[in-house]
C-alpha atoms as a PDB file:
ATOM      1  CA  MET A   1      26.422 -11.112 -15.506  1.00  0.00           C
ATOM      2  CA  LYS A   2      24.008 -13.626 -17.023  1.00  0.00           C
ATOM      3  CA  MET A   3      22.740 -12.711 -20.459  1.00  0.00           C
ATOM      4  CA  SER A   4      18.967 -12.833 -20.493  1.00  0.00           C
ATOM      5  CA  LYS A   5      16.355 -12.918 -23.211  1.00  0.00           C
ATOM      6  CA  SER A   6      13.733 -11.993 -20.641  1.00  0.00           C
ATOM      7  CA  GLY A   7      11.959  -8.649 -20.545  1.00  0.00           C
ATOM      8  CA  LYS A   8      13.400  -5.433 -19.253  1.00  0.00           C
ATOM      9  CA  VAL A   9      13.079  -4.608 -15.567  1.00  0.00           C
ATOM     10  CA  VAL A  10      13.225  -1.083 -14.208  1.00  0.00           C
ATOM     11  CA  ILE A  11      14.231  -0.557 -10.587  1.00  0.00           C
ATOM     12  CA  ILE A  12      12.787   2.657  -9.151  1.00  0.00           C
ATOM     13  CA  CYS A  13      14.762   3.730  -6.091  1.00  0.00           C
ATOM     14  CA  ILE A  14      13.214   6.645  -4.188  1.00  0.00           C
ATOM     15  CA  ALA A  15      15.551   7.717  -1.405  1.00  0.00           C
ATOM     16  CA  TYR A  16      14.915  10.066   1.496  1.00  0.00           C
ATOM     17  CA  ASN A  17      17.519  10.632   4.211  1.00  0.00           C
ATOM     18  CA  HIS A  18      19.224   7.321   3.427  1.00  0.00           C
ATOM     19  CA  GLU A  19      22.821   8.535   3.531  1.00  0.00           C
ATOM     20  CA  ASP A  20      24.007   5.563   5.589  1.00  0.00           C
ATOM     21  CA  TRP A  21      22.648   2.905   3.228  1.00  0.00           C
ATOM     22  CA  ILE A  22      21.993   4.338  -0.236  1.00  0.00           C
ATOM     23  CA  LYS A  23      25.318   3.286  -1.803  1.00  0.00           C
ATOM     24  CA  GLU A  24      24.848  -0.293  -0.635  1.00  0.00           C
ATOM     25  CA  SER A  25      21.312  -0.322  -2.042  1.00  0.00           C
ATOM     26  CA  LEU A  26      22.441   0.987  -5.430  1.00  0.00           C
ATOM     27  CA  GLU A  27      25.373  -1.401  -5.558  1.00  0.00           C
ATOM     28  CA  SER A  28      23.023  -4.299  -4.925  1.00  0.00           C
ATOM     29  CA  VAL A  29      21.204  -3.349  -8.147  1.00  0.00           C
ATOM     30  CA  ALA A  30      24.488  -3.261 -10.058  1.00  0.00           C
ATOM     31  CA  MET A  31      25.342  -6.722  -8.716  1.00  0.00           C
ATOM     32  CA  GLN A  32      22.120  -8.326  -9.979  1.00  0.00           C
ATOM     33  CA  ASP A  33      22.806 -11.229 -12.329  1.00  0.00           C
ATOM     34  CA  TYR A  34      19.824 -10.136 -14.439  1.00  0.00           C
ATOM     35  CA  TYR A  35      21.176  -8.393 -17.517  1.00  0.00           C
ATOM     36  CA  ASN A  36      18.234  -6.467 -18.986  1.00  0.00           C
ATOM     37  CA  LYS A  37      17.733  -3.783 -16.340  1.00  0.00           C
ATOM     38  CA  GLU A  38      17.504  -0.035 -15.820  1.00  0.00           C
ATOM     39  CA  LEU A  39      17.909   1.935 -12.599  1.00  0.00           C
ATOM     40  CA  LEU A  40      16.037   5.164 -11.866  1.00  0.00           C
ATOM     41  CA  ILE A  41      17.254   6.976  -8.742  1.00  0.00           C
ATOM     42  CA  ILE A  42      15.218   9.769  -7.164  1.00  0.00           C
ATOM     43  CA  ASP A  43      16.401  11.745  -4.171  1.00  0.00           C
ATOM     44  CA  ASN A  44      13.132  12.930  -2.670  1.00  0.00           C
ATOM     45  CA  GLY A  45      14.386  16.170  -1.125  1.00  0.00           C
ATOM     46  CA  SER A  46      16.668  14.563   1.461  1.00  0.00           C
ATOM     47  CA  LYS A  47      17.933  16.781   4.273  1.00  0.00           C
ATOM     48  CA  ASP A  48      21.124  14.786   4.853  1.00  0.00           C
ATOM     49  CA  GLN A  49      23.934  13.701   2.513  1.00  0.00           C
ATOM     50  CA  THR A  50      21.873  11.258   0.456  1.00  0.00           C
ATOM     51  CA  LYS A  51      22.072  13.353  -2.713  1.00  0.00           C
ATOM     52  CA  LYS A  52      25.856  13.615  -2.408  1.00  0.00           C
ATOM     53  CA  LYS A  53      26.162   9.845  -1.831  1.00  0.00           C
ATOM     54  CA  ILE A  54      24.079   9.143  -4.935  1.00  0.00           C
ATOM     55  CA  GLN A  55      26.194  11.508  -7.021  1.00  0.00           C
ATOM     56  CA  GLU A  56      29.376   9.841  -5.773  1.00  0.00           C
ATOM     57  CA  TRP A  57      28.058   6.390  -6.679  1.00  0.00           C
ATOM     58  CA  VAL A  58      26.894   7.479 -10.130  1.00  0.00           C
ATOM     59  CA  ALA A  59      30.264   9.149 -10.810  1.00  0.00           C
ATOM     60  CA  GLN A  60      32.042   5.831 -10.163  1.00  0.00           C
ATOM     61  CA  TYR A  61      29.522   3.755 -12.114  1.00  0.00           C
ATOM     62  CA  THR A  62      30.968   1.828 -15.066  1.00  0.00           C
ATOM     63  CA  GLY A  63      27.956   2.095 -17.393  1.00  0.00           C
ATOM     64  CA  LEU A  64      26.959  -1.562 -17.799  1.00  0.00           C
ATOM     65  CA  PHE A  65      23.242  -0.692 -17.776  1.00  0.00           C
ATOM     66  CA  PRO A  66      21.192   2.540 -17.954  1.00  0.00           C
ATOM     67  CA  VAL A  67      21.116   4.696 -14.819  1.00  0.00           C
ATOM     68  CA  ASN A  68      19.091   7.901 -14.586  1.00  0.00           C
ATOM     69  CA  THR A  69      18.796  10.316 -11.667  1.00  0.00           C
ATOM     70  CA  LEU A  70      16.376  12.939 -10.429  1.00  0.00           C
ATOM     71  CA  TYR A  71      17.120  15.250  -7.513  1.00  0.00           C
ATOM     72  CA  LEU A  72      14.173  17.038  -5.901  1.00  0.00           C
ATOM     73  CA  ASP A  73      14.601  20.156  -3.759  1.00  0.00           C
ATOM     74  CA  GLU A  74      11.421  19.437  -1.795  1.00  0.00           C
ATOM     75  CA  SER A  75       9.902  16.105  -0.827  1.00  0.00           C
ATOM     76  CA  LYS A  76       6.923  14.878  -2.840  1.00  0.00           C
ATOM     77  CA  PRO A  77       4.237  12.406  -1.689  1.00  0.00           C
ATOM     78  CA  TYR A  78       5.670   8.940  -2.247  1.00  0.00           C
ATOM     79  CA  CYS A  79       2.822   7.290  -4.137  1.00  0.00           C
ATOM     80  CA  ALA A  80       2.317  10.160  -6.582  1.00  0.00           C
ATOM     81  CA  LEU A  81       6.056  10.434  -7.187  1.00  0.00           C
ATOM     82  CA  PHE A  82       6.388   6.717  -7.885  1.00  0.00           C
ATOM     83  CA  ASN A  83       3.471   6.855 -10.329  1.00  0.00           C
ATOM     84  CA  LYS A  84       4.970   9.772 -12.215  1.00  0.00           C
ATOM     85  CA  VAL A  85       8.116   7.749 -12.848  1.00  0.00           C
ATOM     86  CA  LEU A  86       6.245   4.481 -13.448  1.00  0.00           C
ATOM     87  CA  PHE A  87       4.175   5.829 -16.327  1.00  0.00           C
ATOM     88  CA  GLN A  88       7.290   7.134 -18.070  1.00  0.00           C
ATOM     89  CA  THR A  89       8.937   3.705 -18.197  1.00  0.00           C
ATOM     90  CA  ASP A  90       8.757   1.112 -20.969  1.00  0.00           C
ATOM     91  CA  ALA A  91       9.862  -1.928 -18.978  1.00  0.00           C
ATOM     92  CA  GLU A  92       7.967  -5.198 -18.675  1.00  0.00           C
ATOM     93  CA  TYR A  93       8.744  -5.503 -14.969  1.00  0.00           C
ATOM     94  CA  VAL A  94       8.982  -2.911 -12.193  1.00  0.00           C
ATOM     95  CA  VAL A  95      10.642  -3.019  -8.777  1.00  0.00           C
ATOM     96  CA  ASP A  96      10.173  -0.451  -6.005  1.00  0.00           C
ATOM     97  CA  LEU A  97      13.447  -0.248  -4.058  1.00  0.00           C
ATOM     98  CA  ALA A  98      13.768   1.789  -0.863  1.00  0.00           C
ATOM     99  CA  GLY A  99      17.102   3.498  -0.319  1.00  0.00           C
ATOM    100  CA  ASP A 100      17.801   1.451   2.819  1.00  0.00           C
ATOM    101  CA  ASP A 101      17.044  -2.034   1.465  1.00  0.00           C
ATOM    102  CA  VAL A 102      19.455  -4.397  -0.301  1.00  0.00           C
ATOM    103  CA  PHE A 103      18.908  -7.012  -3.018  1.00  0.00           C
ATOM    104  CA  TYR A 104      20.796 -10.284  -3.054  1.00  0.00           C
ATOM    105  CA  PRO A 105      22.459 -10.882  -6.473  1.00  0.00           C
ATOM    106  CA  ASP A 106      19.963 -13.420  -7.835  1.00  0.00           C
ATOM    107  CA  HIS A 107      16.788 -11.791  -6.521  1.00  0.00           C
ATOM    108  CA  ILE A 108      15.499 -10.299  -9.766  1.00  0.00           C
ATOM    109  CA  SER A 109      16.451 -13.268 -11.938  1.00  0.00           C
ATOM    110  CA  ASN A 110      14.784 -15.728  -9.542  1.00  0.00           C
ATOM    111  CA  SER A 111      11.686 -13.546  -9.286  1.00  0.00           C
ATOM    112  CA  ILE A 112      11.219 -12.993 -13.007  1.00  0.00           C
ATOM    113  CA  ARG A 113      11.830 -16.659 -13.746  1.00  0.00           C
ATOM    114  CA  GLU A 114       8.814 -17.495 -11.607  1.00  0.00           C
ATOM    115  CA  LEU A 115       6.724 -14.578 -12.860  1.00  0.00           C
ATOM    116  CA  GLU A 116       7.272 -15.620 -16.472  1.00  0.00           C
ATOM    117  CA  LYS A 117       5.508 -18.901 -15.716  1.00  0.00           C
ATOM    118  CA  ASP A 118       2.238 -16.972 -15.316  1.00  0.00           C
ATOM    119  CA  PRO A 119       2.088 -13.951 -17.642  1.00  0.00           C
ATOM    120  CA  HIS A 120      -1.301 -13.013 -16.176  1.00  0.00           C
ATOM    121  CA  ALA A 121       0.053 -12.685 -12.637  1.00  0.00           C
ATOM    122  CA  ALA A 122       0.250  -9.160 -11.212  1.00  0.00           C
ATOM    123  CA  PHE A 123       3.446  -9.681  -9.242  1.00  0.00           C
ATOM    124  CA  VAL A 124       5.817 -12.153  -7.661  1.00  0.00           C
ATOM    125  CA  PHE A 125       6.967 -11.981  -4.043  1.00  0.00           C
ATOM    126  CA  SER A 126       9.568 -13.871  -2.047  1.00  0.00           C
ATOM    127  CA  ASP A 127      11.181 -14.105   1.385  1.00  0.00           C
ATOM    128  CA  ALA A 128      13.534 -11.596   3.003  1.00  0.00           C
ATOM    129  CA  TYR A 129      15.953 -11.244   5.863  1.00  0.00           C
ATOM    130  CA  ILE A 130      14.691  -8.708   8.386  1.00  0.00           C
ATOM    131  CA  LEU A 131      17.428  -6.804  10.206  1.00  0.00           C
ATOM    132  CA  GLU A 132      16.123  -5.527  13.537  1.00  0.00           C
ATOM    133  CA  PRO A 133      17.369  -2.213  15.011  1.00  0.00           C
ATOM    134  CA  GLY A 134      19.316  -4.113  17.673  1.00  0.00           C
ATOM    135  CA  GLY A 135      21.141  -6.234  15.112  1.00  0.00           C
ATOM    136  CA  ALA A 136      19.105  -9.452  15.304  1.00  0.00           C
ATOM    137  CA  ILE A 137      18.209 -10.971  11.957  1.00  0.00           C
ATOM    138  CA  HIS A 138      15.446 -13.368  10.937  1.00  0.00           C
ATOM    139  CA  THR A 139      13.516 -14.346   7.829  1.00  0.00           C
ATOM    140  CA  PHE A 140      10.153 -12.733   7.074  1.00  0.00           C
ATOM    141  CA  TYR A 141       8.528 -16.163   6.825  1.00  0.00           C
ATOM    142  CA  LYS A 142       9.200 -18.764   9.478  1.00  0.00           C
ATOM    143  CA  ARG A 143      11.661 -21.460   8.385  1.00  0.00           C
ATOM    144  CA  ASN A 144      12.966 -24.593  10.061  1.00  0.00           C
ATOM    145  CA  ASN A 145      16.607 -25.405  10.796  1.00  0.00           C
ATOM    146  CA  PHE A 146      17.030 -26.699   7.237  1.00  0.00           C
ATOM    147  CA  GLY A 147      15.858 -23.431   5.699  1.00  0.00           C
ATOM    148  CA  GLU A 148      12.511 -24.868   4.633  1.00  0.00           C
ATOM    149  CA  LEU A 149       9.326 -22.857   4.972  1.00  0.00           C
ATOM    150  CA  SER A 150       7.386 -23.676   8.110  1.00  0.00           C
ATOM    151  CA  GLU A 151       4.161 -22.137   6.835  1.00  0.00           C
ATOM    152  CA  VAL A 152       2.279 -22.784   3.633  1.00  0.00           C
ATOM    153  CA  ILE A 153       1.967 -19.884   1.205  1.00  0.00           C
ATOM    154  CA  GLU A 154      -1.645 -20.442   0.141  1.00  0.00           C
ATOM    155  CA  LEU A 155      -2.036 -18.328  -2.993  1.00  0.00           C
ATOM    156  CA  GLY A 156      -5.648 -19.417  -3.496  1.00  0.00           C
ATOM    157  CA  ILE A 157      -6.781 -17.413  -0.454  1.00  0.00           C
ATOM    158  CA  ILE A 158      -4.129 -14.712  -0.604  1.00  0.00           C
ATOM    159  CA  TYR A 159      -6.654 -11.850  -0.804  1.00  0.00           C
ATOM    160  CA  GLU A 160      -8.373 -12.978   2.378  1.00  0.00           C
ATOM    161  CA  THR A 161      -5.021 -13.465   4.100  1.00  0.00           C
ATOM    162  CA  LEU A 162      -3.913  -9.952   3.144  1.00  0.00           C
ATOM    163  CA  LEU A 163      -7.132  -8.534   4.544  1.00  0.00           C
ATOM    164  CA  GLN A 164      -6.359 -10.061   7.903  1.00  0.00           C
ATOM    165  CA  ARG A 165      -2.623  -9.420   8.247  1.00  0.00           C
ATOM    166  CA  SER A 166       0.518  -8.192   6.543  1.00  0.00           C
ATOM    167  CA  PHE A 167       1.598 -11.301   4.699  1.00  0.00           C
ATOM    168  CA  ILE A 168       3.830 -10.062   1.855  1.00  0.00           C
ATOM    169  CA  CYS A 169       7.189  -8.376   2.395  1.00  0.00           C
ATOM    170  CA  ALA A 170       6.805  -5.377   0.074  1.00  0.00           C
ATOM    171  CA  PRO A 171      10.510  -4.920  -0.854  1.00  0.00           C
ATOM    172  CA  THR A 172      10.563  -8.413  -2.404  1.00  0.00           C
ATOM    173  CA  VAL A 173       7.817  -7.658  -4.928  1.00  0.00           C
ATOM    174  CA  VAL A 174       8.508  -7.578  -8.680  1.00  0.00           C
ATOM    175  CA  PHE A 175       5.511  -6.213 -10.589  1.00  0.00           C
ATOM    176  CA  ASN A 176       4.147  -7.018 -14.013  1.00  0.00           C
ATOM    177  CA  ALA A 177       4.434  -3.427 -15.293  1.00  0.00           C
ATOM    178  CA  ALA A 178       1.518  -3.611 -17.729  1.00  0.00           C
ATOM    179  CA  ILE A 179      -0.890  -4.756 -15.027  1.00  0.00           C
ATOM    180  CA  LEU A 180       0.400  -2.229 -12.498  1.00  0.00           C
ATOM    181  CA  LYS A 181      -0.132   0.584 -15.005  1.00  0.00           C
ATOM    182  CA  LYS A 182      -3.544  -0.752 -16.042  1.00  0.00           C
ATOM    183  CA  GLU A 183      -4.655  -0.556 -12.413  1.00  0.00           C
ATOM    184  CA  GLY A 184      -3.393   3.027 -12.071  1.00  0.00           C
ATOM    185  CA  GLY A 185      -0.252   2.294 -10.083  1.00  0.00           C
ATOM    186  CA  TYR A 186      -0.247   3.298  -6.449  1.00  0.00           C
ATOM    187  CA  ASP A 187      -3.180   5.233  -5.007  1.00  0.00           C
ATOM    188  CA  PRO A 188      -1.836   8.832  -4.929  1.00  0.00           C
ATOM    189  CA  ASP A 189      -4.235   9.785  -2.133  1.00  0.00           C
ATOM    190  CA  LEU A 190      -2.535   7.398   0.307  1.00  0.00           C
ATOM    191  CA  TYR A 191       0.494   8.055   2.493  1.00  0.00           C
ATOM    192  CA  TYR A 192       1.906   4.562   1.892  1.00  0.00           C
ATOM    193  CA  GLU A 193       1.427   2.035  -0.854  1.00  0.00           C
ATOM    194  CA  ASP A 194       1.869  -1.642  -0.042  1.00  0.00           C
ATOM    195  CA  PHE A 195      -1.339  -2.610   1.805  1.00  0.00           C
ATOM    196  CA  ASP A 196      -3.553  -1.065  -0.859  1.00  0.00           C
ATOM    197  CA  ILE A 197      -1.749  -2.185  -4.004  1.00  0.00           C
ATOM    198  CA  GLN A 198      -1.377  -5.745  -2.756  1.00  0.00           C
ATOM    199  CA  LEU A 199      -5.089  -5.975  -1.965  1.00  0.00           C
ATOM    200  CA  ARG A 200      -6.244  -4.426  -5.231  1.00  0.00           C
ATOM    201  CA  LEU A 201      -4.058  -6.668  -7.359  1.00  0.00           C
ATOM    202  CA  ALA A 202      -4.782  -9.804  -5.336  1.00  0.00           C
ATOM    203  CA  ARG A 203      -8.515  -9.200  -5.785  1.00  0.00           C
ATOM    204  CA  LYS A 204      -8.297  -9.252  -9.601  1.00  0.00           C
ATOM    205  CA  TYR A 205      -5.168 -11.204 -10.571  1.00  0.00           C
ATOM    206  CA  ASN A 206      -3.025 -14.211  -9.753  1.00  0.00           C
ATOM    207  CA  LEU A 207       0.044 -13.724  -7.580  1.00  0.00           C
ATOM    208  CA  VAL A 208       3.217 -15.813  -7.668  1.00  0.00           C
ATOM    209  CA  PHE A 209       5.530 -16.825  -4.821  1.00  0.00           C
ATOM    210  CA  SER A 210       9.229 -17.535  -5.348  1.00  0.00           C
ATOM    211  CA  ASP A 211      10.805 -19.557  -2.558  1.00  0.00           C
ATOM    212  CA  HIS A 212      14.060 -17.647  -2.237  1.00  0.00           C
ATOM    213  CA  ILE A 213      15.415 -15.013   0.151  1.00  0.00           C
ATOM    214  CA  GLY A 214      15.914 -12.029  -2.095  1.00  0.00           C
ATOM    215  CA  VAL A 215      16.144  -8.907   0.066  1.00  0.00           C
ATOM    216  CA  LEU A 216      17.686  -7.572   3.240  1.00  0.00           C
ATOM    217  CA  LYS A 217      15.122  -5.238   4.819  1.00  0.00           C
ATOM    218  CA  ARG A 218      16.200  -2.952   7.621  1.00  0.00           C
ATOM    219  CA  LYS A 219      13.707  -2.086  10.356  1.00  0.00           C
ATOM    220  CA  LEU A 220      14.495   1.451  11.471  1.00  0.00           C
ATOM    221  CA  TYR A 221      12.976   3.382  14.354  1.00  0.00           C
ATOM    222  CA  ASN A 222      12.563   6.534  12.250  1.00  0.00           C
ATOM    223  CA  SER A 223      11.286   4.852   9.072  1.00  0.00           C
ATOM    224  CA  MET A 224       7.816   5.314   7.620  1.00  0.00           C
ATOM    225  CA  SER A 225       6.649   1.923   8.868  1.00  0.00           C
ATOM    226  CA  GLY A 226       8.366   2.459  12.201  1.00  0.00           C
ATOM    227  CA  ASN A 227       6.150   5.498  12.800  1.00  0.00           C
ATOM    228  CA  GLN A 228       2.873   3.982  11.625  1.00  0.00           C
ATOM    229  CA  TYR A 229       1.348   4.265  15.099  1.00  0.00           C
ATOM    230  CA  GLN A 230       2.877   7.600  16.008  1.00  0.00           C
ATOM    231  CA  ARG A 231       1.309   9.152  19.101  1.00  0.00           C
ATOM    232  CA  TYR A 232      -1.609  11.495  18.300  1.00  0.00           C
ATOM    233  CA  GLY A 233      -0.537  12.265  14.725  1.00  0.00           C
ATOM    234  CA  SER A 234      -0.028   9.038  12.775  1.00  0.00           C
ATOM    235  CA  LYS A 235       0.216   9.757   9.046  1.00  0.00           C
ATOM    236  CA  MET A 236      -0.245   6.103   8.155  1.00  0.00           C
ATOM    237  CA  LEU A 237      -3.381   5.249  10.126  1.00  0.00           C
ATOM    238  CA  PRO A 238      -5.726   7.501   8.082  1.00  0.00           C
ATOM    239  CA  SER A 239      -4.488   5.761   4.934  1.00  0.00           C
ATOM    240  CA  THR A 240      -4.993   2.374   6.570  1.00  0.00           C
ATOM    241  CA  LEU A 241      -8.596   3.342   7.281  1.00  0.00           C
ATOM    242  CA  LYS A 242      -9.097   4.372   3.643  1.00  0.00           C
ATOM    243  CA  VAL A 243      -7.674   1.065   2.397  1.00  0.00           C
ATOM    244  CA  CYS A 244      -9.986  -0.868   4.721  1.00  0.00           C
ATOM    245  CA  GLU A 245     -12.959   1.145   3.453  1.00  0.00           C
ATOM    246  CA  LYS A 246     -11.989   0.266  -0.114  1.00  0.00           C
ATOM    247  CA  ALA A 247     -11.537  -3.374   0.896  1.00  0.00           C
ATOM    248  CA  LEU A 248     -15.071  -3.616   2.275  1.00  0.00           C
ATOM    249  CA  GLU A 249     -16.357  -2.540  -1.146  1.00  0.00           C
ATOM    250  CA  MET A 250     -14.206  -5.195  -2.840  1.00  0.00           C
ATOM    251  CA  ASN A 251     -15.203  -8.004  -0.485  1.00  0.00           C
ATOM    252  CA  ARG A 252     -17.497 -10.708  -1.830  1.00  0.00           C
ATOM    253  CA  THR A 253     -18.015 -13.159   1.033  1.00  0.00           C
ATOM    254  CA  PRO A 254     -18.787 -13.195   4.766  1.00  0.00           C
ATOM    255  CA  SER A 255     -15.426 -14.896   5.281  1.00  0.00           C
ATOM    256  CA  GLU A 256     -13.650 -11.918   3.702  1.00  0.00           C
ATOM    257  CA  ASN A 257     -15.607  -9.513   5.888  1.00  0.00           C
ATOM    258  CA  LYS A 258     -14.594 -11.556   8.920  1.00  0.00           C
ATOM    259  CA  ALA A 259     -10.936 -11.351   7.877  1.00  0.00           C
ATOM    260  CA  LEU A 260     -11.246  -7.591   7.424  1.00  0.00           C
ATOM    261  CA  GLY A 261     -12.837  -7.377  10.856  1.00  0.00           C
ATOM    262  CA  LYS A 262      -9.758  -8.956  12.412  1.00  0.00           C
ATOM    263  CA  ARG A 263      -7.563  -6.361  10.698  1.00  0.00           C
ATOM    264  CA  LEU A 264      -9.847  -3.534  11.849  1.00  0.00           C
ATOM    265  CA  GLN A 265      -9.747  -4.725  15.442  1.00  0.00           C
ATOM    266  CA  TYR A 266      -5.941  -4.868  15.331  1.00  0.00           C
ATOM    267  CA  GLU A 267      -5.606  -1.390  13.822  1.00  0.00           C
ATOM    268  CA  LEU A 268      -8.225  -0.030  16.228  1.00  0.00           C
ATOM    269  CA  LYS A 269      -6.243  -1.307  19.197  1.00  0.00           C
ATOM    270  CA  HIS A 270      -3.146   0.580  18.069  1.00  0.00           C
ATOM    271  CA  ALA A 271      -5.113   3.692  17.149  1.00  0.00           C
ATOM    272  CA  LEU A 272      -6.588   3.828  20.660  1.00  0.00           C
ATOM    273  CA  TRP A 273      -3.347   3.126  22.482  1.00  0.00           C
ATOM    274  CA  SER A 274      -1.521   5.779  20.440  1.00  0.00           C
ATOM    275  CA  GLY A 275      -4.208   8.409  20.974  1.00  0.00           C
ATOM    276  CA  ASN A 276      -5.323   8.609  17.329  1.00  0.00           C
ATOM    277  CA  PHE A 277      -8.987   8.907  18.281  1.00  0.00           C
ATOM    278  CA  GLN A 278     -10.341  10.393  15.052  1.00  0.00           C
ATOM    279  CA  VAL A 279      -9.102   7.400  13.076  1.00  0.00           C
ATOM    280  CA  ALA A 280     -10.315   5.115  15.859  1.00  0.00           C
ATOM    281  CA  GLU A 281     -13.856   6.417  15.398  1.00  0.00           C
ATOM    282  CA  GLY A 282     -13.679   5.617  11.685  1.00  0.00           C
ATOM    283  CA  LEU A 283     -12.369   2.126  12.405  1.00  0.00           C
ATOM    284  CA  VAL A 284     -15.234   1.538  14.847  1.00  0.00           C
ATOM    285  CA  GLN A 285     -17.818   2.584  12.253  1.00  0.00           C
ATOM    286  CA  LEU A 286     -16.239   0.349   9.638  1.00  0.00           C
ATOM    287  CA  GLY A 287     -16.041  -2.550  12.082  1.00  0.00           C
ATOM    288  CA  GLU A 288     -19.773  -2.264  12.681  1.00  0.00           C
ATOM    289  CA  LYS A 289     -20.381  -2.370   8.917  1.00  0.00           C
ATOM    290  CA  THR A 290     -18.433  -5.641   8.666  1.00  0.00           C
ATOM    291  CA  GLY A 291     -20.552  -7.136  11.430  1.00  0.00           C
ATOM    292  CA  LEU A 292     -17.696  -7.285  13.926  1.00  0.00           C
ATOM    293  CA  LYS A 293     -19.153  -8.358  17.299  1.00  0.00           C
ATOM    294  CA  THR A 294     -16.384  -9.531  19.608  1.00  0.00           C
ATOM    295  CA  PRO A 295     -16.131  -8.699  23.325  1.00  0.00           C
ATOM    296  CA  ILE A 296     -12.845  -6.836  22.789  1.00  0.00           C
ATOM    297  CA  PHE A 297     -14.406  -4.778  19.986  1.00  0.00           C
ATOM    298  CA  SER A 298     -17.171  -3.717  22.398  1.00  0.00           C
ATOM    299  CA  ILE A 299     -14.511  -2.550  24.844  1.00  0.00           C
ATOM    300  CA  TYR A 300     -12.678  -0.691  22.078  1.00  0.00           C
ATOM    301  CA  LYS A 301     -15.941   1.017  21.028  1.00  0.00           C
ATOM    302  CA  LEU A 302     -16.420   2.323  24.562  1.00  0.00           C
ATOM    303  CA  TRP A 303     -12.775   3.421  24.718  1.00  0.00           C
ATOM    304  CA  ALA A 304     -13.151   5.328  21.465  1.00  0.00           C
ATOM    305  CA  LYS A 305     -16.329   6.985  22.739  1.00  0.00           C
ATOM    306  CA  VAL A 306     -14.816   8.267  26.001  1.00  0.00           C
ATOM    307  CA  LYS A 307     -11.404   8.980  24.389  1.00  0.00           C
ATOM    308  CA  LEU A 308      -9.413   7.739  27.375  1.00  0.00           C
ATOM    309  CA  ASP A 309      -5.834   8.807  26.609  1.00  0.00           C
ATOM    310  CA  LEU A 310      -3.355   6.123  27.638  1.00  0.00           C
ATOM    311  CA  SER A 311      -0.849   6.966  24.901  1.00  0.00           C
ATOM    312  CA  TRP A 312       1.855   7.795  27.447  1.00  0.00           C
ATOM    313  CA  LEU A 313       1.836   4.110  28.418  1.00  0.00           C
ATOM    314  CA  TYR A 314       1.964   3.100  24.745  1.00  0.00           C
ATOM    315  CA  VAL A 315       5.054   5.246  24.180  1.00  0.00           C
ATOM    316  CA  ARG A 316       6.803   3.584  27.098  1.00  0.00           C
ATOM    317  CA  ALA A 317       5.849   0.099  25.919  1.00  0.00           C
ATOM    318  CA  THR A 318       7.031   0.655  22.347  1.00  0.00           C
END
């Protein structure tokens, strides 16, 4: 491993029913060429063999860097659990690793090298390989045949971009720990973390992009993100609505409100198609506050009012 004079990084791995992938994820931390690291592993009340797999990996571990474990009998809300661990750490950098994702060996060293160039930046993000359920693989950002980025990562308007669409692959993020703690970590009232924390930090701080492919992210049918538009009972959509409400308060310009309106219209479409009408009503109200006045939004408003349930078609299509 490379010796490093750089600050300590703590990798927080919260696993839940990740028996098929957890050992590979943990091994990818061990293989990092960044020397000054610590790994915290939490089994969040898994119902499969994840806990056993973690114990097996730890038993075989050679002790080159600190590894600590926590095994919960019952699952805890993700954001609150992450925060509890975060505020007990003393590292300069923090990484949130899911138990089904994998780091490439130079991911952390490449990321921190870029982050060190701007000590006031909240986090650094990079590219990732996305492994689809059927086995196809592609990069998160479009690249040409020579591996060069086909789209410009415009950091100057990153907040507005994040309002409009998911633009940062969350597993690639390496946080400045002091800033993350200063801003309270993840919002514990939300079901998921990335949309909110990226917006809040992008509003107040610089962000840094590192042009490397650092992570293999698996897209799974039964994952949290895979169920974000679950029929009738989405757990993610209410949190998405809350984040959008917070975003409207943070917005400063008509252009930002317009970008938020595009996000609201997109989320509203999926809320309606999946039969999540209560959230749809909230999205309609928020869209009106942003001044959203498109023909499709008018149709969606009527759809939300009459609550026409076409979710059976949505299930077939997805």
